[in-house]
Amino acid sequence: MRDEEAALDIVQDAMLRLAEKYGHRPAAELPMLFHRIMQNAIRDWYRRQKVRSLWTTLLSTFSYRRDEEPEDPLDALHAADGSSLAELPGTRLEKVQVLEIIQQEIDRLPERQRQAFLMRYLEELDVAETARAMGCSEGSVKTHCSRAAHALALALKARGVEP
């Protein structure tokens, strides 16, 4: 895992799932079930990290910390060669247009997908919190987020926006 805290969380969650869902099973079956739960949890963690990394990288360029004074998000952008882009009006316009395209594509998502996507990736709620807020199951939240991420990626790519 390379992240001790995440690994401990995954083990703890796997143990809780095992106890909640399979506590009635014979003790001989528990090690095999625990191993499968752990494999699935690790796989899910890596998937979430990949998707979260993609969207937070793309969208974090356009946000600021709440405890800081709001800044022009374009001032923080840098060209591939490391030079600042804040002075270039053409580049500034391009970044504003990209942000507008992203917002348009998010607005085009079906309502439930948009809600799940914004709660998970912009509000940074976990699956359980999002499910409670939306009044649906955790599986539904995962499905909505996955569909939203795929739809956004395709729509943005079609419009020439890539991370």
N, C-alpha and C. Protein backbone atom coordinates (compact mmCIF):
# COMPACT_ATOMS: atom_id res chain seq x y z
N MET A 1 0.81 -1.19 0.00
CA MET A 1 0.00 0.00 0.00
C MET A 1 0.86 1.27 0.00
N ARG A 2 2.00 1.24 0.62
CA ARG A 2 2.90 2.39 0.73
C ARG A 2 2.32 3.53 1.56
N ASP A 3 1.18 3.30 2.17
CA ASP A 3 0.56 4.28 3.03
C ASP A 3 0.04 3.54 4.25
N GLU A 4 0.79 3.65 5.34
CA GLU A 4 0.48 2.85 6.53
C GLU A 4 -0.91 3.15 7.08
N GLU A 5 -1.31 4.41 7.09
CA GLU A 5 -2.63 4.76 7.61
C GLU A 5 -3.75 4.17 6.75
N ALA A 6 -3.58 4.25 5.44
CA ALA A 6 -4.59 3.67 4.55
C ALA A 6 -4.65 2.16 4.73
N ALA A 7 -3.49 1.53 4.87
CA ALA A 7 -3.44 0.08 5.06
C ALA A 7 -4.16 -0.32 6.35
N LEU A 8 -3.91 0.42 7.42
CA LEU A 8 -4.58 0.11 8.68
C LEU A 8 -6.09 0.31 8.57
N ASP A 9 -6.51 1.36 7.88
CA ASP A 9 -7.94 1.60 7.67
C ASP A 9 -8.58 0.46 6.88
N ILE A 10 -7.88 0.01 5.85
CA ILE A 10 -8.41 -1.08 5.01
C ILE A 10 -8.55 -2.35 5.82
N VAL A 11 -7.54 -2.67 6.63
CA VAL A 11 -7.61 -3.88 7.47
C VAL A 11 -8.77 -3.77 8.46
N GLN A 12 -8.90 -2.61 9.09
CA GLN A 12 -9.97 -2.41 10.05
C GLN A 12 -11.35 -2.53 9.39
N ASP A 13 -11.51 -1.89 8.24
CA ASP A 13 -12.78 -1.99 7.53
C ASP A 13 -13.08 -3.42 7.10
N ALA A 14 -12.05 -4.13 6.65
CA ALA A 14 -12.23 -5.52 6.23
C ALA A 14 -12.65 -6.39 7.41
N MET A 15 -12.06 -6.15 8.57
CA MET A 15 -12.43 -6.93 9.75
C MET A 15 -13.89 -6.65 10.15
N LEU A 16 -14.29 -5.38 10.06
CA LEU A 16 -15.67 -5.04 10.38
C LEU A 16 -16.65 -5.68 9.40
N ARG A 17 -16.33 -5.64 8.11
CA ARG A 17 -17.19 -6.29 7.11
C ARG A 17 -17.30 -7.79 7.36
N LEU A 18 -16.17 -8.40 7.69
CA LEU A 18 -16.16 -9.84 7.97
C LEU A 18 -17.08 -10.14 9.15
N ALA A 19 -16.94 -9.36 10.21
CA ALA A 19 -17.77 -9.61 11.39
C ALA A 19 -19.25 -9.35 11.12
N GLU A 20 -19.54 -8.27 10.39
CA GLU A 20 -20.94 -7.92 10.13
C GLU A 20 -21.64 -8.89 9.19
N LYS A 21 -20.96 -9.25 8.12
CA LYS A 21 -21.62 -10.02 7.07
C LYS A 21 -21.40 -11.53 7.16
N TYR A 22 -20.30 -11.94 7.79
CA TYR A 22 -19.96 -13.36 7.77
C TYR A 22 -19.72 -13.93 9.17
N GLY A 23 -20.14 -13.23 10.20
CA GLY A 23 -19.94 -13.69 11.57
C GLY A 23 -20.63 -15.00 11.87
N HIS A 24 -21.66 -15.31 11.14
CA HIS A 24 -22.42 -16.55 11.35
C HIS A 24 -21.77 -17.77 10.69
N ARG A 25 -20.78 -17.55 9.85
CA ARG A 25 -20.12 -18.65 9.13
C ARG A 25 -19.19 -19.43 10.06
N PRO A 26 -18.89 -20.69 9.69
CA PRO A 26 -17.95 -21.49 10.49
C PRO A 26 -16.56 -20.85 10.49
N ALA A 27 -15.84 -21.01 11.58
CA ALA A 27 -14.52 -20.38 11.75
C ALA A 27 -13.54 -20.80 10.66
N ALA A 28 -13.68 -22.00 10.12
CA ALA A 28 -12.75 -22.48 9.09
C ALA A 28 -12.87 -21.67 7.79
N GLU A 29 -14.03 -21.08 7.54
CA GLU A 29 -14.23 -20.30 6.31
C GLU A 29 -13.74 -18.85 6.43
N LEU A 30 -13.58 -18.36 7.63
CA LEU A 30 -13.28 -16.95 7.85
C LEU A 30 -11.96 -16.47 7.24
N PRO A 31 -10.85 -17.23 7.35
CA PRO A 31 -9.61 -16.73 6.74
C PRO A 31 -9.72 -16.50 5.23
N MET A 32 -10.38 -17.41 4.53
CA MET A 32 -10.55 -17.28 3.09
C MET A 32 -11.44 -16.06 2.77
N LEU A 33 -12.52 -15.90 3.52
CA LEU A 33 -13.40 -14.76 3.31
C LEU A 33 -12.68 -13.45 3.61
N PHE A 34 -11.90 -13.42 4.68
CA PHE A 34 -11.16 -12.21 5.04
C PHE A 34 -10.16 -11.85 3.94
N HIS A 35 -9.49 -12.84 3.40
CA HIS A 35 -8.53 -12.61 2.32
C HIS A 35 -9.22 -12.00 1.11
N ARG A 36 -10.38 -12.50 0.75
CA ARG A 36 -11.12 -11.96 -0.40
C ARG A 36 -11.60 -10.53 -0.12
N ILE A 37 -12.08 -10.29 1.07
CA ILE A 37 -12.52 -8.94 1.44
C ILE A 37 -11.33 -7.97 1.36
N MET A 38 -10.19 -8.39 1.84
CA MET A 38 -8.98 -7.54 1.79
C MET A 38 -8.58 -7.25 0.34
N GLN A 39 -8.57 -8.27 -0.51
CA GLN A 39 -8.22 -8.05 -1.91
C GLN A 39 -9.15 -7.04 -2.56
N ASN A 40 -10.44 -7.19 -2.34
CA ASN A 40 -11.42 -6.27 -2.92
C ASN A 40 -11.24 -4.85 -2.37
N ALA A 41 -10.99 -4.73 -1.09
CA ALA A 41 -10.81 -3.42 -0.47
C ALA A 41 -9.56 -2.72 -1.02
N ILE A 42 -8.49 -3.46 -1.19
CA ILE A 42 -7.26 -2.88 -1.74
C ILE A 42 -7.49 -2.44 -3.18
N ARG A 43 -8.13 -3.29 -3.95
CA ARG A 43 -8.43 -2.94 -5.35
C ARG A 43 -9.29 -1.68 -5.43
N ASP A 44 -10.32 -1.61 -4.57
CA ASP A 44 -11.19 -0.43 -4.53
C ASP A 44 -10.40 0.82 -4.15
N TRP A 45 -9.49 0.69 -3.19
CA TRP A 45 -8.69 1.83 -2.75
C TRP A 45 -7.84 2.37 -3.90
N TYR A 46 -7.20 1.47 -4.64
CA TYR A 46 -6.38 1.92 -5.76
C TYR A 46 -7.23 2.55 -6.87
N ARG A 47 -8.41 2.01 -7.12
CA ARG A 47 -9.30 2.61 -8.12
C ARG A 47 -9.70 4.03 -7.70
N ARG A 48 -10.09 4.15 -6.44
CA ARG A 48 -10.49 5.47 -5.93
C ARG A 48 -9.34 6.47 -6.03
N GLN A 49 -8.14 6.03 -5.68
CA GLN A 49 -6.98 6.92 -5.75
C GLN A 49 -6.73 7.37 -7.18
N LYS A 50 -6.87 6.46 -8.12
CA LYS A 50 -6.63 6.81 -9.52
C LYS A 50 -7.64 7.85 -10.01
N VAL A 51 -8.92 7.60 -9.74
CA VAL A 51 -9.96 8.52 -10.18
C VAL A 51 -9.85 9.85 -9.45
N ARG A 52 -9.65 9.78 -8.13
CA ARG A 52 -9.54 11.02 -7.35
C ARG A 52 -8.35 11.84 -7.80
N SER A 53 -7.25 11.17 -8.08
CA SER A 53 -6.04 11.88 -8.53
C SER A 53 -6.30 12.60 -9.85
N LEU A 54 -6.96 11.92 -10.77
CA LEU A 54 -7.25 12.53 -12.06
C LEU A 54 -8.08 13.78 -11.90
N TRP A 55 -9.20 13.66 -11.16
CA TRP A 55 -10.11 14.80 -11.06
C TRP A 55 -9.59 15.89 -10.15
N THR A 56 -8.94 15.52 -9.05
CA THR A 56 -8.43 16.57 -8.18
C THR A 56 -7.29 17.33 -8.85
N THR A 57 -6.48 16.64 -9.65
CA THR A 57 -5.42 17.33 -10.37
C THR A 57 -6.00 18.30 -11.37
N LEU A 58 -6.98 17.86 -12.10
CA LEU A 58 -7.60 18.71 -13.11
C LEU A 58 -8.34 19.88 -12.48
N LEU A 59 -9.09 19.62 -11.43
CA LEU A 59 -9.93 20.66 -10.85
C LEU A 59 -9.23 21.50 -9.78
N SER A 60 -8.18 20.98 -9.16
CA SER A 60 -7.52 21.73 -8.09
C SER A 60 -6.81 22.96 -8.63
N THR A 61 -6.50 22.97 -9.88
CA THR A 61 -5.86 24.13 -10.48
C THR A 61 -6.78 25.35 -10.39
N PHE A 62 -8.07 25.10 -10.27
CA PHE A 62 -9.04 26.18 -10.30
C PHE A 62 -9.63 26.49 -8.93
N SER A 63 -9.01 26.02 -7.86
CA SER A 63 -9.54 26.28 -6.53
C SER A 63 -8.47 26.87 -5.63
N TYR A 64 -8.89 27.31 -4.46
CA TYR A 64 -7.97 27.84 -3.47
C TYR A 64 -8.38 27.30 -2.11
N ARG A 65 -7.47 27.39 -1.16
CA ARG A 65 -7.78 26.93 0.19
C ARG A 65 -8.76 27.89 0.84
N ARG A 66 -9.62 27.34 1.67
CA ARG A 66 -10.61 28.17 2.33
C ARG A 66 -9.99 29.11 3.36
N ASP A 67 -8.86 28.69 3.95
CA ASP A 67 -8.24 29.51 4.98
C ASP A 67 -7.35 30.60 4.39
N GLU A 68 -7.21 30.64 3.10
CA GLU A 68 -6.39 31.64 2.45
C GLU A 68 -7.27 32.67 1.76
N GLU A 69 -6.67 33.77 1.44
CA GLU A 69 -7.35 34.80 0.67
C GLU A 69 -7.58 34.28 -0.74
N PRO A 70 -8.77 34.46 -1.31
CA PRO A 70 -9.00 33.99 -2.68
C PRO A 70 -8.00 34.64 -3.64
N GLU A 71 -7.47 33.81 -4.50
CA GLU A 71 -6.53 34.28 -5.50
C GLU A 71 -7.09 33.98 -6.87
N ASP A 72 -6.53 34.62 -7.85
CA ASP A 72 -6.87 34.28 -9.22
C ASP A 72 -6.28 32.90 -9.48
N PRO A 73 -7.10 31.89 -9.76
CA PRO A 73 -6.56 30.54 -9.94
C PRO A 73 -5.57 30.45 -11.09
N LEU A 74 -5.64 31.35 -12.01
CA LEU A 74 -4.75 31.29 -13.16
C LEU A 74 -3.34 31.74 -12.81
N ASP A 75 -3.20 32.49 -11.71
CA ASP A 75 -1.86 32.93 -11.30
C ASP A 75 -0.98 31.75 -10.89
N ALA A 76 -1.60 30.66 -10.48
CA ALA A 76 -0.84 29.51 -10.00
C ALA A 76 -0.41 28.58 -11.13
N LEU A 77 -0.91 28.78 -12.32
CA LEU A 77 -0.59 27.88 -13.42
C LEU A 77 0.79 28.18 -13.99
N HIS A 78 1.46 27.12 -14.42
CA HIS A 78 2.79 27.25 -15.00
C HIS A 78 2.86 26.47 -16.30
N ALA A 79 3.66 26.96 -17.20
CA ALA A 79 3.86 26.28 -18.48
C ALA A 79 4.74 25.05 -18.25
N ALA A 80 4.84 24.22 -19.27
CA ALA A 80 5.65 23.01 -19.18
C ALA A 80 7.12 23.33 -18.89
N ASP A 81 7.58 24.48 -19.34
CA ASP A 81 8.97 24.85 -19.10
C ASP A 81 9.17 25.50 -17.73
N GLY A 82 8.10 25.61 -16.93
CA GLY A 82 8.20 26.15 -15.58
C GLY A 82 7.94 27.64 -15.48
N SER A 83 7.80 28.33 -16.59
CA SER A 83 7.57 29.77 -16.55
C SER A 83 6.13 30.06 -16.15
N SER A 84 5.92 31.20 -15.53
CA SER A 84 4.59 31.59 -15.10
C SER A 84 3.74 31.99 -16.30
N LEU A 85 2.47 31.64 -16.23
CA LEU A 85 1.56 31.96 -17.32
C LEU A 85 0.68 33.16 -16.98
N ALA A 86 0.85 33.72 -15.78
CA ALA A 86 -0.04 34.78 -15.33
C ALA A 86 0.00 35.99 -16.23
N GLU A 87 1.11 36.25 -16.89
CA GLU A 87 1.25 37.46 -17.69
C GLU A 87 0.66 37.33 -19.09
N LEU A 88 0.43 36.13 -19.54
CA LEU A 88 0.01 35.94 -20.92
C LEU A 88 -1.51 35.97 -21.05
N PRO A 89 -2.07 37.00 -21.66
CA PRO A 89 -3.53 37.10 -21.78
C PRO A 89 -4.15 35.94 -22.55
N GLY A 90 -3.49 35.47 -23.59
CA GLY A 90 -4.02 34.35 -24.37
C GLY A 90 -4.14 33.09 -23.53
N THR A 91 -3.15 32.85 -22.72
CA THR A 91 -3.15 31.68 -21.85
C THR A 91 -4.22 31.83 -20.78
N ARG A 92 -4.35 33.02 -20.25
CA ARG A 92 -5.38 33.29 -19.24
C ARG A 92 -6.77 33.01 -19.83
N LEU A 93 -7.01 33.48 -21.02
CA LEU A 93 -8.29 33.26 -21.69
C LEU A 93 -8.53 31.77 -21.90
N GLU A 94 -7.50 31.06 -22.32
CA GLU A 94 -7.62 29.62 -22.55
C GLU A 94 -8.01 28.89 -21.27
N LYS A 95 -7.40 29.25 -20.15
CA LYS A 95 -7.72 28.58 -18.88
C LYS A 95 -9.14 28.89 -18.43
N VAL A 96 -9.58 30.11 -18.63
CA VAL A 96 -10.96 30.47 -18.30
C VAL A 96 -11.93 29.66 -19.17
N GLN A 97 -11.59 29.48 -20.44
CA GLN A 97 -12.43 28.71 -21.34
C GLN A 97 -12.47 27.24 -20.92
N VAL A 98 -11.34 26.70 -20.50
CA VAL A 98 -11.29 25.30 -20.04
C VAL A 98 -12.17 25.13 -18.81
N LEU A 99 -12.08 26.07 -17.88
CA LEU A 99 -12.91 26.00 -16.68
C LEU A 99 -14.39 26.06 -17.06
N GLU A 100 -14.73 26.89 -18.00
CA GLU A 100 -16.12 27.00 -18.46
C GLU A 100 -16.58 25.69 -19.11
N ILE A 101 -15.72 25.07 -19.90
CA ILE A 101 -16.06 23.79 -20.53
C ILE A 101 -16.31 22.72 -19.46
N ILE A 102 -15.44 22.68 -18.46
CA ILE A 102 -15.60 21.70 -17.38
C ILE A 102 -16.94 21.92 -16.68
N GLN A 103 -17.25 23.18 -16.37
CA GLN A 103 -18.52 23.48 -15.70
C GLN A 103 -19.71 23.09 -16.58
N GLN A 104 -19.64 23.36 -17.88
CA GLN A 104 -20.72 23.00 -18.79
C GLN A 104 -20.93 21.48 -18.80
N GLU A 105 -19.83 20.74 -18.85
CA GLU A 105 -19.94 19.29 -18.90
C GLU A 105 -20.47 18.72 -17.58
N ILE A 106 -20.08 19.31 -16.46
CA ILE A 106 -20.62 18.87 -15.17
C ILE A 106 -22.12 19.16 -15.13
N ASP A 107 -22.52 20.33 -15.64
CA ASP A 107 -23.94 20.69 -15.66
C ASP A 107 -24.76 19.77 -16.55
N ARG A 108 -24.15 19.16 -17.55
CA ARG A 108 -24.87 18.26 -18.47
C ARG A 108 -25.08 16.86 -17.90
N LEU A 109 -24.38 16.54 -16.84
CA LEU A 109 -24.55 15.22 -16.23
C LEU A 109 -25.96 15.07 -15.68
N PRO A 110 -26.48 13.83 -15.67
CA PRO A 110 -27.76 13.61 -14.98
C PRO A 110 -27.63 14.05 -13.52
N GLU A 111 -28.73 14.49 -12.93
CA GLU A 111 -28.69 15.09 -11.60
C GLU A 111 -28.01 14.21 -10.55
N ARG A 112 -28.36 12.95 -10.47
CA ARG A 112 -27.78 12.06 -9.45
C ARG A 112 -26.28 11.87 -9.67
N GLN A 113 -25.86 11.74 -10.91
CA GLN A 113 -24.43 11.61 -11.20
C GLN A 113 -23.70 12.89 -10.80
N ARG A 114 -24.28 14.03 -11.13
CA ARG A 114 -23.66 15.31 -10.80
C ARG A 114 -23.54 15.46 -9.28
N GLN A 115 -24.61 15.13 -8.55
CA GLN A 115 -24.57 15.22 -7.10
C GLN A 115 -23.48 14.34 -6.51
N ALA A 116 -23.46 13.09 -6.94
CA ALA A 116 -22.47 12.15 -6.40
C ALA A 116 -21.05 12.61 -6.73
N PHE A 117 -20.83 13.03 -7.96
CA PHE A 117 -19.51 13.48 -8.39
C PHE A 117 -19.04 14.68 -7.58
N LEU A 118 -19.89 15.68 -7.43
CA LEU A 118 -19.50 16.89 -6.70
C LEU A 118 -19.26 16.61 -5.22
N MET A 119 -20.10 15.78 -4.62
CA MET A 119 -19.90 15.46 -3.20
C MET A 119 -18.61 14.68 -2.98
N ARG A 120 -18.34 13.72 -3.87
CA ARG A 120 -17.16 12.87 -3.68
C ARG A 120 -15.86 13.59 -4.01
N TYR A 121 -15.81 14.33 -5.11
CA TYR A 121 -14.54 14.86 -5.58
C TYR A 121 -14.32 16.33 -5.26
N LEU A 122 -15.37 17.11 -5.10
CA LEU A 122 -15.16 18.51 -4.74
C LEU A 122 -15.38 18.74 -3.25
N GLU A 123 -16.42 18.13 -2.70
CA GLU A 123 -16.66 18.25 -1.26
C GLU A 123 -15.82 17.26 -0.46
N GLU A 124 -15.25 16.26 -1.14
CA GLU A 124 -14.39 15.23 -0.55
C GLU A 124 -15.08 14.43 0.55
N LEU A 125 -16.37 14.13 0.34
CA LEU A 125 -17.08 13.25 1.26
C LEU A 125 -16.74 11.81 0.91
N ASP A 126 -16.78 10.92 1.89
CA ASP A 126 -16.54 9.52 1.57
C ASP A 126 -17.84 8.91 1.05
N VAL A 127 -17.77 7.65 0.65
CA VAL A 127 -18.92 6.99 0.02
C VAL A 127 -20.11 6.93 0.99
N ALA A 128 -19.85 6.59 2.24
CA ALA A 128 -20.94 6.47 3.22
C ALA A 128 -21.61 7.82 3.46
N GLU A 129 -20.83 8.89 3.60
CA GLU A 129 -21.40 10.22 3.81
C GLU A 129 -22.22 10.67 2.60
N THR A 130 -21.69 10.39 1.43
CA THR A 130 -22.40 10.76 0.20
C THR A 130 -23.72 9.98 0.10
N ALA A 131 -23.67 8.70 0.42
CA ALA A 131 -24.89 7.87 0.37
C ALA A 131 -25.95 8.41 1.33
N ARG A 132 -25.54 8.77 2.54
CA ARG A 132 -26.50 9.33 3.49
C ARG A 132 -27.08 10.64 2.97
N ALA A 133 -26.23 11.51 2.43
CA ALA A 133 -26.69 12.80 1.93
C ALA A 133 -27.65 12.65 0.74
N MET A 134 -27.38 11.64 -0.09
CA MET A 134 -28.21 11.44 -1.28
C MET A 134 -29.40 10.54 -1.01
N GLY A 135 -29.42 9.87 0.14
CA GLY A 135 -30.52 8.96 0.47
C GLY A 135 -30.52 7.72 -0.38
N CYS A 136 -29.35 7.17 -0.65
CA CYS A 136 -29.25 5.95 -1.47
C CYS A 136 -28.17 5.04 -0.89
N SER A 137 -27.96 3.90 -1.53
CA SER A 137 -26.96 2.96 -1.04
C SER A 137 -25.56 3.39 -1.47
N GLU A 138 -24.56 2.83 -0.79
CA GLU A 138 -23.17 3.12 -1.14
C GLU A 138 -22.86 2.62 -2.55
N GLY A 139 -23.44 1.50 -2.92
CA GLY A 139 -23.25 0.97 -4.27
C GLY A 139 -23.76 1.92 -5.34
N SER A 140 -24.89 2.56 -5.05
CA SER A 140 -25.44 3.54 -5.99
C SER A 140 -24.50 4.74 -6.14
N VAL A 141 -23.93 5.19 -5.03
CA VAL A 141 -22.99 6.31 -5.07
C VAL A 141 -21.79 5.95 -5.95
N LYS A 142 -21.26 4.74 -5.75
CA LYS A 142 -20.10 4.30 -6.55
C LYS A 142 -20.47 4.25 -8.03
N THR A 143 -21.65 3.75 -8.34
CA THR A 143 -22.10 3.66 -9.73
C THR A 143 -22.25 5.05 -10.33
N HIS A 144 -22.92 5.95 -9.60
CA HIS A 144 -23.11 7.32 -10.10
C HIS A 144 -21.77 8.02 -10.33
N CYS A 145 -20.85 7.87 -9.39
CA CYS A 145 -19.53 8.51 -9.52
C CYS A 145 -18.76 7.94 -10.71
N SER A 146 -18.81 6.65 -10.85
CA SER A 146 -18.09 6.01 -11.96
C SER A 146 -18.65 6.47 -13.30
N ARG A 147 -19.95 6.47 -13.42
CA ARG A 147 -20.58 6.90 -14.67
C ARG A 147 -20.30 8.37 -14.95
N ALA A 148 -20.34 9.20 -13.91
CA ALA A 148 -20.06 10.63 -14.08
C ALA A 148 -18.62 10.85 -14.52
N ALA A 149 -17.69 10.17 -13.89
CA ALA A 149 -16.27 10.33 -14.23
C ALA A 149 -16.00 9.91 -15.66
N HIS A 150 -16.59 8.79 -16.07
CA HIS A 150 -16.39 8.32 -17.45
C HIS A 150 -17.03 9.28 -18.45
N ALA A 151 -18.24 9.73 -18.15
CA ALA A 151 -18.93 10.65 -19.05
C ALA A 151 -18.17 11.97 -19.17
N LEU A 152 -17.68 12.48 -18.04
CA LEU A 152 -16.91 13.73 -18.08
C LEU A 152 -15.61 13.56 -18.85
N ALA A 153 -14.92 12.46 -18.61
CA ALA A 153 -13.66 12.23 -19.30
C ALA A 153 -13.87 12.18 -20.81
N LEU A 154 -14.90 11.48 -21.24
CA LEU A 154 -15.19 11.40 -22.67
C LEU A 154 -15.59 12.75 -23.25
N ALA A 155 -16.47 13.46 -22.53
CA ALA A 155 -16.94 14.76 -23.02
C ALA A 155 -15.80 15.77 -23.09
N LEU A 156 -14.95 15.80 -22.08
CA LEU A 156 -13.83 16.73 -22.06
C LEU A 156 -12.81 16.39 -23.13
N LYS A 157 -12.55 15.11 -23.30
CA LYS A 157 -11.62 14.69 -24.35
C LYS A 157 -12.14 15.07 -25.73
N ALA A 158 -13.45 14.88 -25.95
CA ALA A 158 -14.06 15.24 -27.21
C ALA A 158 -13.96 16.73 -27.49
N ARG A 159 -13.90 17.52 -26.43
CA ARG A 159 -13.79 18.97 -26.58
C ARG A 159 -12.33 19.45 -26.51
N GLY A 160 -11.40 18.49 -26.45
CA GLY A 160 -9.98 18.85 -26.50
C GLY A 160 -9.37 19.18 -25.15
N VAL A 161 -10.04 18.85 -24.06
CA VAL A 161 -9.51 19.12 -22.71
C VAL A 161 -8.97 17.82 -22.14
N GLU A 162 -7.68 17.80 -21.84
CA GLU A 162 -7.07 16.63 -21.24
C GLU A 162 -6.21 17.08 -20.07
N PRO A 163 -6.12 16.24 -19.00
CA PRO A 163 -5.33 16.63 -17.82
C PRO A 163 -3.86 16.78 -18.13
